[in-house]
C-alpha atoms as a PDB file:
ATOM      1  CA  MET A   1      -0.766  -1.345 -13.744  1.00  0.00           C
ATOM      2  CA  SER A   2      -1.805  -4.851 -14.433  1.00  0.00           C
ATOM      3  CA  GLY A   3      -5.534  -4.193 -14.226  1.00  0.00           C
ATOM      4  CA  GLY A   4      -6.213  -6.189 -11.067  1.00  0.00           C
ATOM      5  CA  THR A   5      -4.221  -9.296 -11.883  1.00  0.00           C
ATOM      6  CA  GLU A   6      -1.757  -8.901  -9.036  1.00  0.00           C
ATOM      7  CA  SER A   7      -1.807 -11.434  -6.225  1.00  0.00           C
ATOM      8  CA  ALA A   8      -3.677 -10.439  -3.104  1.00  0.00           C
ATOM      9  CA  GLY A   9      -2.272 -13.188  -0.868  1.00  0.00           C
ATOM     10  CA  GLY A  10       0.426 -13.008   1.771  1.00  0.00           C
ATOM     11  CA  PRO A  11       1.432 -10.247   4.138  1.00  0.00           C
ATOM     12  CA  ALA A  12       2.794  -6.917   2.982  1.00  0.00           C
ATOM     13  CA  GLY A  13       6.356  -7.220   1.808  1.00  0.00           C
ATOM     14  CA  SER A  14       6.130 -10.992   1.588  1.00  0.00           C
ATOM     15  CA  GLY A  15       7.515 -11.019  -1.936  1.00  0.00           C
ATOM     16  CA  GLY A  16      11.071 -12.108  -2.304  1.00  0.00           C
ATOM     17  CA  GLY A  17      12.117 -14.709  -4.781  1.00  0.00           C
ATOM     18  CA  PRO A  18      12.028 -15.236  -8.474  1.00  0.00           C
ATOM     19  CA  GLY A  19       8.710 -14.311 -10.034  1.00  0.00           C
ATOM     20  CA  THR A  20       7.406 -12.256  -7.107  1.00  0.00           C
ATOM     21  CA  GLY A  21       7.708  -8.925  -8.873  1.00  0.00           C
ATOM     22  CA  GLU A  22      10.058  -7.542  -6.250  1.00  0.00           C
ATOM     23  CA  SER A  23      11.669  -4.258  -7.266  1.00  0.00           C
ATOM     24  CA  SER A  24      15.057  -2.806  -6.474  1.00  0.00           C
ATOM     25  CA  SER A  25      13.526  -1.193  -3.357  1.00  0.00           C
ATOM     26  CA  GLY A  26      12.797  -4.658  -1.968  1.00  0.00           C
ATOM     27  CA  LEU A  27       9.039  -4.101  -2.076  1.00  0.00           C
ATOM     28  CA  SER A  28       6.717  -6.242  -4.138  1.00  0.00           C
ATOM     29  CA  ALA A  29       4.928  -4.683  -7.091  1.00  0.00           C
ATOM     30  CA  ARG A  30       1.684  -4.883  -5.085  1.00  0.00           C
ATOM     31  CA  ASP A  31       3.233  -3.018  -2.146  1.00  0.00           C
ATOM     32  CA  GLU A  32       4.486  -0.293  -4.470  1.00  0.00           C
ATOM     33  CA  ALA A  33       1.015  -0.084  -6.045  1.00  0.00           C
ATOM     34  CA  VAL A  34      -0.579   0.314  -2.597  1.00  0.00           C
ATOM     35  CA  LEU A  35       1.747   3.228  -1.851  1.00  0.00           C
ATOM     36  CA  ALA A  36       1.041   4.728  -5.277  1.00  0.00           C
ATOM     37  CA  VAL A  37      -2.723   4.692  -4.626  1.00  0.00           C
ATOM     38  CA  GLU A  38      -2.182   6.347  -1.264  1.00  0.00           C
ATOM     39  CA  ARG A  39       0.126   8.973  -2.779  1.00  0.00           C
ATOM     40  CA  ARG A  40      -2.705  10.316  -4.953  1.00  0.00           C
ATOM     41  CA  SER A  41      -5.213  12.922  -3.885  1.00  0.00           C
ATOM     42  CA  TRP A  42      -8.804  11.634  -3.914  1.00  0.00           C
ATOM     43  CA  PRO A  43     -12.033  13.684  -4.016  1.00  0.00           C
ATOM     44  CA  GLY A  44     -13.693  11.287  -1.573  1.00  0.00           C
ATOM     45  CA  PRO A  45     -13.806   7.692  -0.384  1.00  0.00           C
ATOM     46  CA  GLY A  46     -15.941   6.367  -3.269  1.00  0.00           C
ATOM     47  CA  PRO A  47     -13.476   6.913  -6.125  1.00  0.00           C
ATOM     48  CA  LYS A  48     -10.570   5.697  -4.001  1.00  0.00           C
ATOM     49  CA  GLU A  49     -12.351   2.464  -3.036  1.00  0.00           C
ATOM     50  CA  ARG A  50     -13.296   1.893  -6.672  1.00  0.00           C
ATOM     51  CA  ALA A  51      -9.669   2.394  -7.734  1.00  0.00           C
ATOM     52  CA  ILE A  52      -8.481  -0.029  -5.037  1.00  0.00           C
ATOM     53  CA  ARG A  53     -10.803  -2.730  -6.352  1.00  0.00           C
ATOM     54  CA  GLU A  54     -10.068  -2.072 -10.037  1.00  0.00           C
ATOM     55  CA  GLN A  55      -6.321  -1.416  -9.927  1.00  0.00           C
ATOM     56  CA  LEU A  56      -5.264  -3.754  -7.139  1.00  0.00           C
ATOM     57  CA  GLY A  57      -7.991  -6.382  -7.286  1.00  0.00           C
ATOM     58  CA  ILE A  58      -8.420  -6.418  -3.498  1.00  0.00           C
ATOM     59  CA  SER A  59     -11.066  -5.164  -1.089  1.00  0.00           C
ATOM     60  CA  PRO A  60     -10.612  -1.815   0.623  1.00  0.00           C
ATOM     61  CA  THR A  61     -10.398  -3.630   3.979  1.00  0.00           C
ATOM     62  CA  ARG A  62      -7.469  -5.744   2.758  1.00  0.00           C
ATOM     63  CA  TYR A  63      -5.886  -2.634   1.217  1.00  0.00           C
ATOM     64  CA  TYR A  64      -5.867  -0.833   4.562  1.00  0.00           C
ATOM     65  CA  GLN A  65      -4.452  -3.913   6.301  1.00  0.00           C
ATOM     66  CA  LEU A  66      -1.596  -4.006   3.785  1.00  0.00           C
ATOM     67  CA  LEU A  67      -1.079  -0.255   4.029  1.00  0.00           C
ATOM     68  CA  ASN A  68      -0.880  -0.360   7.818  1.00  0.00           C
ATOM     69  CA  ALA A  69       1.770  -3.101   7.660  1.00  0.00           C
ATOM     70  CA  LEU A  70       3.713  -1.103   5.062  1.00  0.00           C
ATOM     71  CA  LEU A  71       3.892   1.895   7.388  1.00  0.00           C
ATOM     72  CA  ASP A  72       6.086  -0.171   9.714  1.00  0.00           C
ATOM     73  CA  ASP A  73       8.261  -1.572   6.902  1.00  0.00           C
ATOM     74  CA  PRO A  74      11.637   0.202   6.510  1.00  0.00           C
ATOM     75  CA  ARG A  75      11.642  -0.715   2.798  1.00  0.00           C
ATOM     76  CA  ALA A  76       8.437   1.277   2.313  1.00  0.00           C
ATOM     77  CA  LEU A  77       9.984   4.243   4.107  1.00  0.00           C
ATOM     78  CA  ALA A  78      13.025   4.061   1.835  1.00  0.00           C
ATOM     79  CA  HIS A  79      10.813   3.762  -1.267  1.00  0.00           C
ATOM     80  CA  ASP A  80       8.431   6.650  -0.522  1.00  0.00           C
ATOM     81  CA  PRO A  81       9.444   8.575   2.622  1.00  0.00           C
ATOM     82  CA  VAL A  82       7.047  11.494   2.103  1.00  0.00           C
ATOM     83  CA  THR A  83       3.942   9.316   1.839  1.00  0.00           C
ATOM     84  CA  VAL A  84       4.962   6.894   4.601  1.00  0.00           C
ATOM     85  CA  ASN A  85       5.870   9.665   7.059  1.00  0.00           C
ATOM     86  CA  ARG A  86       2.616  11.534   6.320  1.00  0.00           C
ATOM     87  CA  LEU A  87       0.573   8.403   6.927  1.00  0.00           C
ATOM     88  CA  ARG A  88       2.507   7.582  10.100  1.00  0.00           C
ATOM     89  CA  ARG A  89       1.677  11.052  11.459  1.00  0.00           C
ATOM     90  CA  VAL A  90      -2.020  10.572  10.641  1.00  0.00           C
ATOM     91  CA  ARG A  91      -2.020   7.115  12.263  1.00  0.00           C
ATOM     92  CA  ASP A  92      -0.214   8.376  15.372  1.00  0.00           C
ATOM     93  CA  ALA A  93      -2.643  11.300  15.725  1.00  0.00           C
ATOM     94  CA  ARG A  94      -5.616   8.915  15.533  1.00  0.00           C
ATOM     95  CA  ARG A  95      -4.086   6.630  18.134  1.00  0.00           C
ATOM     96  CA  ALA A  96      -3.425   9.577  20.453  1.00  0.00           C
ATOM     97  CA  ARG A  97      -7.119  10.580  20.281  1.00  0.00           C
ATOM     98  CA  ARG A  98      -8.255   7.148  21.487  1.00  0.00           C
END
């Protein structure tokens, strides 16, 4: 990781030209990093929030906004189908309870 030097601006998946850090999956490096954080198992919310701030250089609120947008992005599904499908099920279950 770049130690928090990645850009926090723009919507999820907004990368796309030279110098944006877009990978072969079509996702930006930041989007891939968001999925990587979510892929890990965390002992509680404190360590995860600390990692979000330190590794991504964004607030937890912004992280969850980006993550939610990624769940609807077909490129994210192609990049990490296990994580995206798991999170979609969790999101759908929460919505059903409301």
